[in-house]
Amino acid sequence: MTYVVTEACIKCKYMDCVEVCPVDCFYEGETMLVINPDECIDCGVCEPECPAEAILPDTEGEAEKWLELNREYSTGPWPNITRKGEQPGDADDYKDMPGKFDKFFTANPGGGN
């Protein structure tokens, strides 16, 4: 089992999860974070820290489709992050918005830290 970041993170990037991760397995894109499933130790401490409830164990049905996206971007162009950065100023405006992937996802890397 591993944990994955889902669509709920897009345009929010609260990054509370990054602070508690003991193995630094988060990677930052321009509009969302992802978890490297091969680095995740399945501890689960990140899941309750996410205000957007965007982190799920990959055993949940909805999480399955996000596993490959997390793997692709965490092993490719996105930088590893180890500290909580600044969340977008309008993050709360997007927190519960449906359909964010089609509207706002980009493959562009984030700033990293």
PDB file of N, CA and C in Angstrom:
ATOM      1  N   MET A   1       0.832  -1.185   0.000  1.00  0.00           N
ATOM      2  CA  MET A   1       0.000   0.000   0.000  1.00  0.00           C
ATOM      3  C   MET A   1       0.877   1.249   0.000  1.00  0.00           C
ATOM      4  N   THR A   2       0.343   2.297  -0.584  1.00  0.00           N
ATOM      5  CA  THR A   2       0.981   3.601  -0.570  1.00  0.00           C
ATOM      6  C   THR A   2      -0.118   4.655  -0.509  1.00  0.00           C
ATOM      7  N   TYR A   3       0.265   5.863  -0.317  1.00  0.00           N
ATOM      8  CA  TYR A   3      -0.696   6.959  -0.332  1.00  0.00           C
ATOM      9  C   TYR A   3      -0.515   7.745  -1.613  1.00  0.00           C
ATOM     10  N   VAL A   4      -1.593   8.351  -2.102  1.00  0.00           N
ATOM     11  CA  VAL A   4      -1.550   9.145  -3.320  1.00  0.00           C
ATOM     12  C   VAL A   4      -2.270  10.468  -3.100  1.00  0.00           C
ATOM     13  N   VAL A   5      -1.867  11.447  -3.877  1.00  0.00           N
ATOM     14  CA  VAL A   5      -2.530  12.755  -3.857  1.00  0.00           C
ATOM     15  C   VAL A   5      -3.523  12.765  -5.015  1.00  0.00           C
ATOM     16  N   THR A   6      -4.715  13.269  -4.758  1.00  0.00           N
ATOM     17  CA  THR A   6      -5.792  13.269  -5.742  1.00  0.00           C
ATOM     18  C   THR A   6      -6.112  14.688  -6.209  1.00  0.00           C
ATOM     19  N   GLU A   7      -7.119  14.762  -7.046  1.00  0.00           N
ATOM     20  CA  GLU A   7      -7.548  16.020  -7.658  1.00  0.00           C
ATOM     21  C   GLU A   7      -7.842  17.134  -6.646  1.00  0.00           C
ATOM     22  N   ALA A   8      -8.254  16.772  -5.451  1.00  0.00           N
ATOM     23  CA  ALA A   8      -8.614  17.786  -4.448  1.00  0.00           C
ATOM     24  C   ALA A   8      -7.451  18.722  -4.119  1.00  0.00           C
ATOM     25  N   CYS A   9      -6.228  18.311  -4.390  1.00  0.00           N
ATOM     26  CA  CYS A   9      -5.059  19.144  -4.117  1.00  0.00           C
ATOM     27  C   CYS A   9      -4.875  20.268  -5.143  1.00  0.00           C
ATOM     28  N   ILE A  10      -5.393  20.061  -6.340  1.00  0.00           N
ATOM     29  CA  ILE A  10      -5.163  21.008  -7.433  1.00  0.00           C
ATOM     30  C   ILE A  10      -5.657  22.400  -7.052  1.00  0.00           C
ATOM     31  N   LYS A  11      -4.771  23.363  -7.243  1.00  0.00           N
ATOM     32  CA  LYS A  11      -4.998  24.791  -6.948  1.00  0.00           C
ATOM     33  C   LYS A  11      -5.078  25.095  -5.454  1.00  0.00           C
ATOM     34  N   CYS A  12      -4.851  24.098  -4.595  1.00  0.00           N
ATOM     35  CA  CYS A  12      -4.865  24.325  -3.144  1.00  0.00           C
ATOM     36  C   CYS A  12      -3.446  24.251  -2.582  1.00  0.00           C
ATOM     37  N   LYS A  13      -2.775  23.131  -2.775  1.00  0.00           N
ATOM     38  CA  LYS A  13      -1.397  22.931  -2.321  1.00  0.00           C
ATOM     39  C   LYS A  13      -1.143  23.492  -0.919  1.00  0.00           C
ATOM     40  N   TYR A  14      -1.918  23.043   0.043  1.00  0.00           N
ATOM     41  CA  TYR A  14      -1.747  23.534   1.415  1.00  0.00           C
ATOM     42  C   TYR A  14      -0.388  23.153   2.007  1.00  0.00           C
ATOM     43  N   MET A  15       0.158  22.032   1.633  1.00  0.00           N
ATOM     44  CA  MET A  15       1.491  21.574   2.007  1.00  0.00           C
ATOM     45  C   MET A  15       1.687  21.207   3.471  1.00  0.00           C
ATOM     46  N   ASP A  16       0.621  21.107   4.244  1.00  0.00           N
ATOM     47  CA  ASP A  16       0.751  20.641   5.630  1.00  0.00           C
ATOM     48  C   ASP A  16       1.310  19.219   5.652  1.00  0.00           C
ATOM     49  N   CYS A  17       0.989  18.462   4.643  1.00  0.00           N
ATOM     50  CA  CYS A  17       1.449  17.074   4.517  1.00  0.00           C
ATOM     51  C   CYS A  17       2.966  16.973   4.425  1.00  0.00           C
ATOM     52  N   VAL A  18       3.575  17.925   3.771  1.00  0.00           N
ATOM     53  CA  VAL A  18       5.027  17.904   3.556  1.00  0.00           C
ATOM     54  C   VAL A  18       5.769  17.991   4.887  1.00  0.00           C
ATOM     55  N   GLU A  19       5.252  18.774   5.789  1.00  0.00           N
ATOM     56  CA  GLU A  19       5.897  18.979   7.092  1.00  0.00           C
ATOM     57  C   GLU A  19       5.991  17.705   7.917  1.00  0.00           C
ATOM     58  N   VAL A  20       5.021  16.817   7.783  1.00  0.00           N
ATOM     59  CA  VAL A  20       4.980  15.634   8.638  1.00  0.00           C
ATOM     60  C   VAL A  20       5.571  14.382   7.999  1.00  0.00           C
ATOM     61  N   CYS A  21       5.867  14.424   6.721  1.00  0.00           N
ATOM     62  CA  CYS A  21       6.369  13.239   6.014  1.00  0.00           C
ATOM     63  C   CYS A  21       7.780  12.883   6.490  1.00  0.00           C
ATOM     64  N   PRO A  22       7.970  11.691   7.057  1.00  0.00           N
ATOM     65  CA  PRO A  22       9.286  11.328   7.581  1.00  0.00           C
ATOM     66  C   PRO A  22      10.299  10.925   6.502  1.00  0.00           C
ATOM     67  N   VAL A  23       9.830  10.690   5.271  1.00  0.00           N
ATOM     68  CA  VAL A  23      10.752  10.238   4.219  1.00  0.00           C
ATOM     69  C   VAL A  23      10.832  11.200   3.034  1.00  0.00           C
ATOM     70  N   ASP A  24      10.236  12.357   3.142  1.00  0.00           N
ATOM     71  CA  ASP A  24      10.326  13.382   2.092  1.00  0.00           C
ATOM     72  C   ASP A  24       9.957  12.849   0.715  1.00  0.00           C
ATOM     73  N   CYS A  25       8.767  12.274   0.594  1.00  0.00           N
ATOM     74  CA  CYS A  25       8.367  11.680  -0.677  1.00  0.00           C
ATOM     75  C   CYS A  25       7.380  12.540  -1.468  1.00  0.00           C
ATOM     76  N   PHE A  26       7.284  13.837  -1.135  1.00  0.00           N
ATOM     77  CA  PHE A  26       6.388  14.739  -1.861  1.00  0.00           C
ATOM     78  C   PHE A  26       7.147  15.500  -2.944  1.00  0.00           C
ATOM     79  N   TYR A  27       6.452  15.702  -4.053  1.00  0.00           N
ATOM     80  CA  TYR A  27       7.002  16.407  -5.208  1.00  0.00           C
ATOM     81  C   TYR A  27       6.007  17.475  -5.614  1.00  0.00           C
ATOM     82  N   GLU A  28       6.536  18.614  -6.095  1.00  0.00           N
ATOM     83  CA  GLU A  28       5.674  19.761  -6.348  1.00  0.00           C
ATOM     84  C   GLU A  28       5.537  20.086  -7.823  1.00  0.00           C
ATOM     85  N   GLY A  29       4.277  20.125  -8.251  1.00  0.00           N
ATOM     86  CA  GLY A  29       3.945  20.624  -9.576  1.00  0.00           C
ATOM     87  C   GLY A  29       3.439  22.045  -9.456  1.00  0.00           C
ATOM     88  N   GLU A  30       3.196  22.657 -10.568  1.00  0.00           N
ATOM     89  CA  GLU A  30       2.712  24.034 -10.571  1.00  0.00           C
ATOM     90  C   GLU A  30       1.371  24.165  -9.855  1.00  0.00           C
ATOM     91  N   THR A  31       0.491  23.158 -10.015  1.00  0.00           N
ATOM     92  CA  THR A  31      -0.843  23.277  -9.437  1.00  0.00           C
ATOM     93  C   THR A  31      -1.179  22.250  -8.361  1.00  0.00           C
ATOM     94  N   MET A  32      -0.304  21.262  -8.133  1.00  0.00           N
ATOM     95  CA  MET A  32      -0.601  20.251  -7.110  1.00  0.00           C
ATOM     96  C   MET A  32       0.677  19.571  -6.646  1.00  0.00           C
ATOM     97  N   LEU A  33       0.543  18.768  -5.605  1.00  0.00           N
ATOM     98  CA  LEU A  33       1.629  17.937  -5.102  1.00  0.00           C
ATOM     99  C   LEU A  33       1.338  16.490  -5.474  1.00  0.00           C
ATOM    100  N   VAL A  34       2.374  15.664  -5.501  1.00  0.00           N
ATOM    101  CA  VAL A  34       2.212  14.217  -5.657  1.00  0.00           C
ATOM    102  C   VAL A  34       3.150  13.517  -4.688  1.00  0.00           C
ATOM    103  N   ILE A  35       2.860  12.237  -4.453  1.00  0.00           N
ATOM    104  CA  ILE A  35       3.674  11.381  -3.594  1.00  0.00           C
ATOM    105  C   ILE A  35       4.355  10.349  -4.480  1.00  0.00           C
ATOM    106  N   ASN A  36       5.641  10.118  -4.252  1.00  0.00           N
ATOM    107  CA  ASN A  36       6.316   9.045  -4.960  1.00  0.00           C
ATOM    108  C   ASN A  36       5.931   7.733  -4.274  1.00  0.00           C
ATOM    109  N   PRO A  37       5.157   6.879  -4.954  1.00  0.00           N
ATOM    110  CA  PRO A  37       4.684   5.659  -4.304  1.00  0.00           C
ATOM    111  C   PRO A  37       5.795   4.666  -3.963  1.00  0.00           C
ATOM    112  N   ASP A  38       6.932   4.784  -4.616  1.00  0.00           N
ATOM    113  CA  ASP A  38       8.046   3.890  -4.317  1.00  0.00           C
ATOM    114  C   ASP A  38       8.859   4.360  -3.109  1.00  0.00           C
ATOM    115  N   GLU A  39       8.700   5.609  -2.728  1.00  0.00           N
ATOM    116  CA  GLU A  39       9.395   6.157  -1.561  1.00  0.00           C
ATOM    117  C   GLU A  39       8.509   6.186  -0.317  1.00  0.00           C
ATOM    118  N   CYS A  40       7.202   6.223  -0.523  1.00  0.00           N
ATOM    119  CA  CYS A  40       6.244   6.276   0.588  1.00  0.00           C
ATOM    120  C   CYS A  40       6.369   5.015   1.444  1.00  0.00           C
ATOM    121  N   ILE A  41       6.427   5.213   2.755  1.00  0.00           N
ATOM    122  CA  ILE A  41       6.545   4.062   3.669  1.00  0.00           C
ATOM    123  C   ILE A  41       5.195   3.688   4.283  1.00  0.00           C
ATOM    124  N   ASP A  42       4.132   4.241   3.759  1.00  0.00           N
ATOM    125  CA  ASP A  42       2.777   3.886   4.166  1.00  0.00           C
ATOM    126  C   ASP A  42       2.470   4.190   5.627  1.00  0.00           C
ATOM    127  N   CYS A  43       3.104   5.205   6.162  1.00  0.00           N
ATOM    128  CA  CYS A  43       2.888   5.531   7.571  1.00  0.00           C
ATOM    129  C   CYS A  43       1.538   6.216   7.801  1.00  0.00           C
ATOM    130  N   GLY A  44       1.043   6.934   6.796  1.00  0.00           N
ATOM    131  CA  GLY A  44      -0.268   7.560   6.887  1.00  0.00           C
ATOM    132  C   GLY A  44      -0.338   8.869   7.634  1.00  0.00           C
ATOM    133  N   VAL A  45       0.786   9.412   8.091  1.00  0.00           N
ATOM    134  CA  VAL A  45       0.713  10.653   8.865  1.00  0.00           C
ATOM    135  C   VAL A  45       0.291  11.851   8.018  1.00  0.00           C
ATOM    136  N   CYS A  46       0.483  11.772   6.722  1.00  0.00           N
ATOM    137  CA  CYS A  46       0.134  12.892   5.843  1.00  0.00           C
ATOM    138  C   CYS A  46      -1.377  13.020   5.644  1.00  0.00           C
ATOM    139  N   GLU A  47      -2.069  11.902   5.603  1.00  0.00           N
ATOM    140  CA  GLU A  47      -3.494  11.904   5.257  1.00  0.00           C
ATOM    141  C   GLU A  47      -4.341  12.828   6.147  1.00  0.00           C
ATOM    142  N   PRO A  48      -4.262  12.748   7.475  1.00  0.00           N
ATOM    143  CA  PRO A  48      -5.102  13.623   8.300  1.00  0.00           C
ATOM    144  C   PRO A  48      -4.648  15.087   8.308  1.00  0.00           C
ATOM    145  N   GLU A  49      -3.455  15.367   7.827  1.00  0.00           N
ATOM    146  CA  GLU A  49      -2.942  16.743   7.821  1.00  0.00           C
ATOM    147  C   GLU A  49      -3.472  17.571   6.662  1.00  0.00           C
ATOM    148  N   CYS A  50      -4.047  16.941   5.649  1.00  0.00           N
ATOM    149  CA  CYS A  50      -4.475  17.641   4.440  1.00  0.00           C
ATOM    150  C   CYS A  50      -5.837  18.296   4.625  1.00  0.00           C
ATOM    151  N   PRO A  51      -5.903  19.638   4.634  1.00  0.00           N
ATOM    152  CA  PRO A  51      -7.187  20.330   4.790  1.00  0.00           C
ATOM    153  C   PRO A  51      -8.166  20.054   3.639  1.00  0.00           C
ATOM    154  N   ALA A  52      -7.623  19.731   2.459  1.00  0.00           N
ATOM    155  CA  ALA A  52      -8.475  19.472   1.295  1.00  0.00           C
ATOM    156  C   ALA A  52      -8.888  18.008   1.192  1.00  0.00           C
ATOM    157  N   GLU A  53      -8.404  17.170   2.121  1.00  0.00           N
ATOM    158  CA  GLU A  53      -8.674  15.736   2.103  1.00  0.00           C
ATOM    159  C   GLU A  53      -8.309  15.123   0.755  1.00  0.00           C
ATOM    160  N   ALA A  54      -7.146  15.519   0.243  1.00  0.00           N
ATOM    161  CA  ALA A  54      -6.678  15.101  -1.082  1.00  0.00           C
ATOM    162  C   ALA A  54      -5.794  13.868  -1.054  1.00  0.00           C
ATOM    163  N   ILE A  55      -5.458  13.359   0.122  1.00  0.00           N
ATOM    164  CA  ILE A  55      -4.552  12.214   0.225  1.00  0.00           C
ATOM    165  C   ILE A  55      -5.340  10.983   0.649  1.00  0.00           C
ATOM    166  N   LEU A  56      -5.177   9.912  -0.140  1.00  0.00           N
ATOM    167  CA  LEU A  56      -5.890   8.665   0.124  1.00  0.00           C
ATOM    168  C   LEU A  56      -4.938   7.481   0.025  1.00  0.00           C
ATOM    169  N   PRO A  57      -5.237   6.397   0.741  1.00  0.00           N
ATOM    170  CA  PRO A  57      -4.469   5.169   0.520  1.00  0.00           C
ATOM    171  C   PRO A  57      -4.843   4.612  -0.854  1.00  0.00           C
ATOM    172  N   ASP A  58      -3.891   4.004  -1.532  1.00  0.00           N
ATOM    173  CA  ASP A  58      -4.172   3.516  -2.880  1.00  0.00           C
ATOM    174  C   ASP A  58      -5.136   2.336  -2.915  1.00  0.00           C
ATOM    175  N   THR A  59      -5.538   1.859  -1.757  1.00  0.00           N
ATOM    176  CA  THR A  59      -6.505   0.770  -1.686  1.00  0.00           C
ATOM    177  C   THR A  59      -7.940   1.263  -1.859  1.00  0.00           C
ATOM    178  N   GLU A  60      -8.156   2.560  -1.776  1.00  0.00           N
ATOM    179  CA  GLU A  60      -9.493   3.114  -2.001  1.00  0.00           C
ATOM    180  C   GLU A  60      -9.727   3.229  -3.496  1.00  0.00           C
ATOM    181  N   GLY A  61     -10.933   2.924  -3.919  1.00  0.00           N
ATOM    182  CA  GLY A  61     -11.268   2.901  -5.343  1.00  0.00           C
ATOM    183  C   GLY A  61     -10.889   4.155  -6.107  1.00  0.00           C
ATOM    184  N   GLU A  62     -11.196   5.311  -5.553  1.00  0.00           N
ATOM    185  CA  GLU A  62     -10.906   6.578  -6.232  1.00  0.00           C
ATOM    186  C   GLU A  62      -9.407   6.808  -6.394  1.00  0.00           C
ATOM    187  N   ALA A  63      -8.622   6.302  -5.464  1.00  0.00           N
ATOM    188  CA  ALA A  63      -7.177   6.547  -5.478  1.00  0.00           C
ATOM    189  C   ALA A  63      -6.460   5.792  -6.589  1.00  0.00           C
ATOM    190  N   GLU A  64      -7.025   4.691  -7.027  1.00  0.00           N
ATOM    191  CA  GLU A  64      -6.356   3.856  -8.021  1.00  0.00           C
ATOM    192  C   GLU A  64      -5.968   4.627  -9.280  1.00  0.00           C
ATOM    193  N   LYS A  65      -6.869   5.480  -9.772  1.00  0.00           N
ATOM    194  CA  LYS A  65      -6.576   6.229 -11.001  1.00  0.00           C
ATOM    195  C   LYS A  65      -5.507   7.302 -10.805  1.00  0.00           C
ATOM    196  N   TRP A  66      -5.230   7.668  -9.558  1.00  0.00           N
ATOM    197  CA  TRP A  66      -4.234   8.695  -9.274  1.00  0.00           C
ATOM    198  C   TRP A  66      -2.836   8.120  -9.046  1.00  0.00           C
ATOM    199  N   LEU A  67      -2.754   6.820  -8.848  1.00  0.00           N
ATOM    200  CA  LEU A  67      -1.468   6.196  -8.556  1.00  0.00           C
ATOM    201  C   LEU A  67      -0.452   6.430  -9.673  1.00  0.00           C
ATOM    202  N   GLU A  68      -0.830   6.216 -10.909  1.00  0.00           N
ATOM    203  CA  GLU A  68       0.113   6.393 -12.015  1.00  0.00           C
ATOM    204  C   GLU A  68       0.497   7.858 -12.214  1.00  0.00           C
ATOM    205  N   LEU A  69      -0.443   8.771 -12.014  1.00  0.00           N
ATOM    206  CA  LEU A  69      -0.110  10.196 -12.118  1.00  0.00           C
ATOM    207  C   LEU A  69       0.907  10.568 -11.050  1.00  0.00           C
ATOM    208  N   ASN A  70       0.710  10.094  -9.834  1.00  0.00           N
ATOM    209  CA  ASN A  70       1.661  10.364  -8.756  1.00  0.00           C
ATOM    210  C   ASN A  70       3.030   9.801  -9.104  1.00  0.00           C
ATOM    211  N   ARG A  71       3.062   8.581  -9.608  1.00  0.00           N
ATOM    212  CA  ARG A  71       4.334   7.945  -9.968  1.00  0.00           C
ATOM    213  C   ARG A  71       5.021   8.716 -11.115  1.00  0.00           C
ATOM    214  N   GLU A  72       4.256   9.043 -12.138  1.00  0.00           N
ATOM    215  CA  GLU A  72       4.829   9.717 -13.311  1.00  0.00           C
ATOM    216  C   GLU A  72       5.499  11.044 -12.959  1.00  0.00           C
ATOM    217  N   TYR A  73       4.812  11.877 -12.194  1.00  0.00           N
ATOM    218  CA  TYR A  73       5.351  13.208 -11.926  1.00  0.00           C
ATOM    219  C   TYR A  73       6.360  13.235 -10.780  1.00  0.00           C
ATOM    220  N   SER A  74       6.318  12.255  -9.899  1.00  0.00           N
ATOM    221  CA  SER A  74       7.306  12.222  -8.815  1.00  0.00           C
ATOM    222  C   SER A  74       8.628  11.614  -9.269  1.00  0.00           C
ATOM    223  N   THR A  75       8.626  10.899 -10.370  1.00  0.00           N
ATOM    224  CA  THR A  75       9.865  10.307 -10.873  1.00  0.00           C
ATOM    225  C   THR A  75      10.363  11.027 -12.118  1.00  0.00           C
ATOM    226  N   GLY A  76       9.716  12.104 -12.448  1.00  0.00           N
ATOM    227  CA  GLY A  76      10.085  12.836 -13.655  1.00  0.00           C
ATOM    228  C   GLY A  76      10.471  14.264 -13.363  1.00  0.00           C
ATOM    229  N   PRO A  77       9.714  15.168 -13.919  1.00  0.00           N
ATOM    230  CA  PRO A  77      10.129  16.571 -13.936  1.00  0.00           C
ATOM    231  C   PRO A  77       9.897  17.387 -12.664  1.00  0.00           C
ATOM    232  N   TRP A  78       9.114  16.876 -11.711  1.00  0.00           N
ATOM    233  CA  TRP A  78       8.766  17.702 -10.565  1.00  0.00           C
ATOM    234  C   TRP A  78       9.798  17.581  -9.451  1.00  0.00           C
ATOM    235  N   PRO A  79      10.146  18.715  -8.811  1.00  0.00           N
ATOM    236  CA  PRO A  79      11.153  18.686  -7.740  1.00  0.00           C
ATOM    237  C   PRO A  79      10.615  18.135  -6.420  1.00  0.00           C
ATOM    238  N   ASN A  80      11.484  17.467  -5.712  1.00  0.00           N
ATOM    239  CA  ASN A  80      11.180  16.976  -4.375  1.00  0.00           C
ATOM    240  C   ASN A  80      11.101  18.165  -3.434  1.00  0.00           C
ATOM    241  N   ILE A  81      10.134  18.152  -2.530  1.00  0.00           N
ATOM    242  CA  ILE A  81      10.044  19.219  -1.534  1.00  0.00           C
ATOM    243  C   ILE A  81      10.102  18.597  -0.146  1.00  0.00           C
ATOM    244  N   THR A  82      10.743  19.309   0.756  1.00  0.00           N
ATOM    245  CA  THR A  82      10.949  18.787   2.101  1.00  0.00           C
ATOM    246  C   THR A  82      10.416  19.714   3.187  1.00  0.00           C
ATOM    247  N   ARG A  83       9.981  20.901   2.790  1.00  0.00           N
ATOM    248  CA  ARG A  83       9.454  21.872   3.750  1.00  0.00           C
ATOM    249  C   ARG A  83       8.155  22.454   3.213  1.00  0.00           C
ATOM    250  N   LYS A  84       7.293  22.837   4.121  1.00  0.00           N
ATOM    251  CA  LYS A  84       6.044  23.488   3.739  1.00  0.00           C
ATOM    252  C   LYS A  84       6.357  24.826   3.099  1.00  0.00           C
ATOM    253  N   GLY A  85       5.809  25.045   1.927  1.00  0.00           N
ATOM    254  CA  GLY A  85       5.972  26.325   1.247  1.00  0.00           C
ATOM    255  C   GLY A  85       4.706  27.153   1.391  1.00  0.00           C
ATOM    256  N   GLU A  86       4.648  28.216   0.637  1.00  0.00           N
ATOM    257  CA  GLU A  86       3.477  29.094   0.667  1.00  0.00           C
ATOM    258  C   GLU A  86       2.350  28.474  -0.156  1.00  0.00           C
ATOM    259  N   GLN A  87       1.200  28.346   0.452  1.00  0.00           N
ATOM    260  CA  GLN A  87       0.042  27.881  -0.305  1.00  0.00           C
ATOM    261  C   GLN A  87      -0.463  29.046  -1.151  1.00  0.00           C
ATOM    262  N   PRO A  88      -1.148  28.766  -2.241  1.00  0.00           N
ATOM    263  CA  PRO A  88      -1.712  29.851  -3.047  1.00  0.00           C
ATOM    264  C   PRO A  88      -2.662  30.703  -2.214  1.00  0.00           C
ATOM    265  N   GLY A  89      -2.644  31.990  -2.442  1.00  0.00           N
ATOM    266  CA  GLY A  89      -3.490  32.908  -1.686  1.00  0.00           C
ATOM    267  C   GLY A  89      -4.973  32.634  -1.847  1.00  0.00           C
ATOM    268  N   ASP A  90      -5.353  32.043  -2.986  1.00  0.00           N
ATOM    269  CA  ASP A  90      -6.763  31.756  -3.243  1.00  0.00           C
ATOM    270  C   ASP A  90      -7.100  30.273  -3.053  1.00  0.00           C
ATOM    271  N   ALA A  91      -6.271  29.541  -2.322  1.00  0.00           N
ATOM    272  CA  ALA A  91      -6.466  28.099  -2.135  1.00  0.00           C
ATOM    273  C   ALA A  91      -7.855  27.766  -1.606  1.00  0.00           C
ATOM    274  N   ASP A  92      -8.339  28.505  -0.657  1.00  0.00           N
ATOM    275  CA  ASP A  92      -9.650  28.209  -0.071  1.00  0.00           C
ATOM    276  C   ASP A  92     -10.777  28.356  -1.094  1.00  0.00           C
ATOM    277  N   ASP A  93     -10.593  29.206  -2.093  1.00  0.00           N
ATOM    278  CA  ASP A  93     -11.609  29.386  -3.137  1.00  0.00           C
ATOM    279  C   ASP A  93     -11.781  28.122  -3.982  1.00  0.00           C
ATOM    280  N   TYR A  94     -10.723  27.315  -4.072  1.00  0.00           N
ATOM    281  CA  TYR A  94     -10.736  26.116  -4.912  1.00  0.00           C
ATOM    282  C   TYR A  94     -10.923  24.824  -4.122  1.00  0.00           C
ATOM    283  N   LYS A  95     -10.935  24.913  -2.810  1.00  0.00           N
ATOM    284  CA  LYS A  95     -10.892  23.721  -1.949  1.00  0.00           C
ATOM    285  C   LYS A  95     -11.939  22.667  -2.279  1.00  0.00           C
ATOM    286  N   ASP A  96     -13.163  23.012  -2.479  1.00  0.00           N
ATOM    287  CA  ASP A  96     -14.222  22.024  -2.704  1.00  0.00           C
ATOM    288  C   ASP A  96     -14.753  22.026  -4.135  1.00  0.00           C
ATOM    289  N   MET A  97     -14.022  22.637  -5.057  1.00  0.00           N
ATOM    290  CA  MET A  97     -14.465  22.728  -6.444  1.00  0.00           C
ATOM    291  C   MET A  97     -14.320  21.376  -7.154  1.00  0.00           C
ATOM    292  N   PRO A  98     -15.354  20.915  -7.817  1.00  0.00           N
ATOM    293  CA  PRO A  98     -15.240  19.673  -8.586  1.00  0.00           C
ATOM    294  C   PRO A  98     -14.601  19.934  -9.957  1.00  0.00           C
ATOM    295  N   GLY A  99     -14.098  18.887 -10.582  1.00  0.00           N
ATOM    296  CA  GLY A  99     -13.579  18.981 -11.941  1.00  0.00           C
ATOM    297  C   GLY A  99     -12.304  19.789 -12.105  1.00  0.00           C
ATOM    298  N   LYS A 100     -11.495  19.858 -11.079  1.00  0.00           N
ATOM    299  CA  LYS A 100     -10.286  20.699 -11.142  1.00  0.00           C
ATOM    300  C   LYS A 100      -9.215  20.140 -12.079  1.00  0.00           C
ATOM    301  N   PHE A 101      -9.149  18.828 -12.234  1.00  0.00           N
ATOM    302  CA  PHE A 101      -8.101  18.264 -13.080  1.00  0.00           C
ATOM    303  C   PHE A 101      -8.228  18.783 -14.510  1.00  0.00           C
ATOM    304  N   ASP A 102      -9.394  18.676 -15.082  1.00  0.00           N
ATOM    305  CA  ASP A 102      -9.589  19.116 -16.468  1.00  0.00           C
ATOM    306  C   ASP A 102      -9.433  20.621 -16.634  1.00  0.00           C
ATOM    307  N   LYS A 103      -9.760  21.374 -15.608  1.00  0.00           N
ATOM    308  CA  LYS A 103      -9.694  22.833 -15.696  1.00  0.00           C
ATOM    309  C   LYS A 103      -8.306  23.402 -15.407  1.00  0.00           C
ATOM    310  N   PHE A 104      -7.576  22.821 -14.441  1.00  0.00           N
ATOM    311  CA  PHE A 104      -6.388  23.504 -13.925  1.00  0.00           C
ATOM    312  C   PHE A 104      -5.094  22.707 -13.875  1.00  0.00           C
ATOM    313  N   PHE A 105      -5.124  21.401 -14.077  1.00  0.00           N
ATOM    314  CA  PHE A 105      -3.893  20.617 -13.975  1.00  0.00           C
ATOM    315  C   PHE A 105      -2.914  21.005 -15.080  1.00  0.00           C
ATOM    316  N   THR A 106      -1.637  21.129 -14.699  1.00  0.00           N
ATOM    317  CA  THR A 106      -0.583  21.298 -15.688  1.00  0.00           C
ATOM    318  C   THR A 106       0.554  20.354 -15.307  1.00  0.00           C
ATOM    319  N   ALA A 107       1.325  19.965 -16.300  1.00  0.00           N
ATOM    320  CA  ALA A 107       2.476  19.092 -16.070  1.00  0.00           C
ATOM    321  C   ALA A 107       3.709  19.896 -15.677  1.00  0.00           C
ATOM    322  N   ASN A 108       3.578  21.197 -15.592  1.00  0.00           N
ATOM    323  CA  ASN A 108       4.713  22.058 -15.247  1.00  0.00           C
ATOM    324  C   ASN A 108       5.183  21.812 -13.818  1.00  0.00           C
ATOM    325  N   PRO A 109       6.495  21.785 -13.605  1.00  0.00           N
ATOM    326  CA  PRO A 109       6.999  21.638 -12.243  1.00  0.00           C
ATOM    327  C   PRO A 109       6.725  22.863 -11.398  1.00  0.00           C
ATOM    328  N   GLY A 110       6.685  22.657 -10.095  1.00  0.00           N
ATOM    329  CA  GLY A 110       6.532  23.765  -9.160  1.00  0.00           C
ATOM    330  C   GLY A 110       7.886  24.333  -8.787  1.00  0.00           C
ATOM    331  N   GLY A 111       7.884  25.229  -7.840  1.00  0.00           N
ATOM    332  CA  GLY A 111       9.101  25.917  -7.446  1.00  0.00           C
ATOM    333  C   GLY A 111      10.068  25.091  -6.637  1.00  0.00           C
ATOM    334  N   GLY A 112       9.556  24.068  -5.940  1.00  0.00           N
ATOM    335  CA  GLY A 112      10.449  23.274  -5.067  1.00  0.00           C
ATOM    336  C   GLY A 112      10.913  24.094  -3.880  1.00  0.00           C
ATOM    337  N   ASN A 113      11.610  23.453  -2.946  1.00  0.00           N
ATOM    338  CA  ASN A 113      12.170  24.183  -1.801  1.00  0.00           C
ATOM    339  C   ASN A 113      13.348  23.461  -1.213  1.00  0.00           C
TER     340      ASN A 113
END
